Amino acid sequence: MCESCQDAEATFSCVTCTGDHGWCRPCMIKSHQSLPFHKIQLWIGKCFKDVTLADLGFIWYLGHGGKPCP
């Protein structure tokens, strides 16, 4: 169960974060949008697979307060 929303299956974990954590896709993106260099992994049934926030659809905006250019 996702530790943030408590509503979806926790299929993502972060090797960089301290402790044993599990998030669903939206909560992983939300919790790591300011930590883009953390090592994220996806549970694929038998093992974990390395993924990036970009693989999850996250776009890191560097200007305008983290929002897209106007």
Protein backbone atom coordinates (compact mmCIF):
# COMPACT_ATOMS: atom_id res chain seq x y z
CA MET A 1 0.00 0.00 0.00
CA CYS A 2 1.28 3.47 -0.89
CA GLU A 3 2.55 5.20 2.23
CA SER A 4 1.38 8.63 1.04
CA CYS A 5 -2.15 8.17 -0.29
CA GLN A 6 -2.94 4.80 1.34
CA ASP A 7 -5.09 4.14 -1.71
CA ALA A 8 -2.94 2.39 -4.33
CA GLU A 9 -0.41 -0.39 -4.56
CA ALA A 10 3.14 0.65 -3.67
CA THR A 11 5.12 -0.41 -6.74
CA PHE A 12 7.95 2.15 -6.45
CA SER A 13 10.74 2.47 -3.92
CA CYS A 14 13.77 4.72 -3.55
CA VAL A 15 17.20 3.30 -2.78
CA THR A 16 18.53 6.74 -1.82
CA CYS A 17 15.88 7.54 0.79
CA THR A 18 16.52 6.31 4.33
CA GLY A 19 14.17 3.59 5.53
CA ASP A 20 11.80 1.21 3.81
CA HIS A 21 9.38 3.23 1.68
CA GLY A 22 6.80 2.39 -0.97
CA TRP A 23 4.80 4.70 -3.23
CA CYS A 24 2.37 4.53 -6.12
CA ARG A 25 3.37 6.34 -9.33
CA PRO A 26 1.69 9.74 -8.62
CA CYS A 27 2.95 9.84 -5.04
CA MET A 28 6.48 8.85 -6.10
CA ILE A 29 6.56 11.76 -8.54
CA LYS A 30 5.13 14.18 -5.97
CA SER A 31 7.50 13.08 -3.19
CA HIS A 32 10.58 13.19 -5.43
CA GLN A 33 9.98 16.17 -7.70
CA SER A 34 12.62 18.12 -5.77
CA LEU A 35 14.91 15.06 -5.52
CA PRO A 36 15.48 14.22 -9.20
CA PHE A 37 18.79 12.42 -8.65
CA HIS A 38 17.50 9.79 -6.23
CA LYS A 39 17.66 6.18 -7.42
CA ILE A 40 14.08 5.02 -8.01
CA GLN A 41 13.07 1.42 -8.59
CA LEU A 42 9.88 -0.21 -9.89
CA TRP A 43 8.72 -3.61 -8.65
CA ILE A 44 8.05 -5.76 -11.73
CA GLY A 45 6.77 -8.88 -10.00
CA LYS A 46 10.00 -10.77 -9.27
CA CYS A 47 12.53 -8.00 -8.78
CA PHE A 48 13.08 -4.26 -8.90
CA LYS A 49 13.95 -2.41 -12.11
CA ASP A 50 15.78 0.94 -12.10
CA VAL A 51 13.65 3.81 -13.45
CA THR A 52 13.91 7.60 -13.51
CA LEU A 53 11.38 10.33 -12.83
CA ALA A 54 11.52 11.05 -16.56
CA ASP A 55 10.47 7.44 -17.23
CA LEU A 56 7.44 8.17 -15.03
CA GLY A 57 6.54 11.24 -17.08
CA PHE A 58 7.97 13.90 -14.79
CA ILE A 59 9.29 17.05 -16.49
CA TRP A 60 11.74 19.08 -14.42
CA TYR A 61 11.16 22.78 -15.09
CA LEU A 62 14.18 24.81 -14.08
CA GLY A 63 12.73 28.32 -14.28
CA HIS A 64 9.55 30.16 -13.38
CA GLY A 65 9.22 28.63 -9.92
CA GLY A 66 9.17 25.06 -11.22
CA LYS A 67 6.38 25.76 -13.70
CA PRO A 68 6.47 25.68 -17.52
CA CYS A 69 7.58 28.76 -19.41
CA PRO A 70 4.67 31.14 -20.07
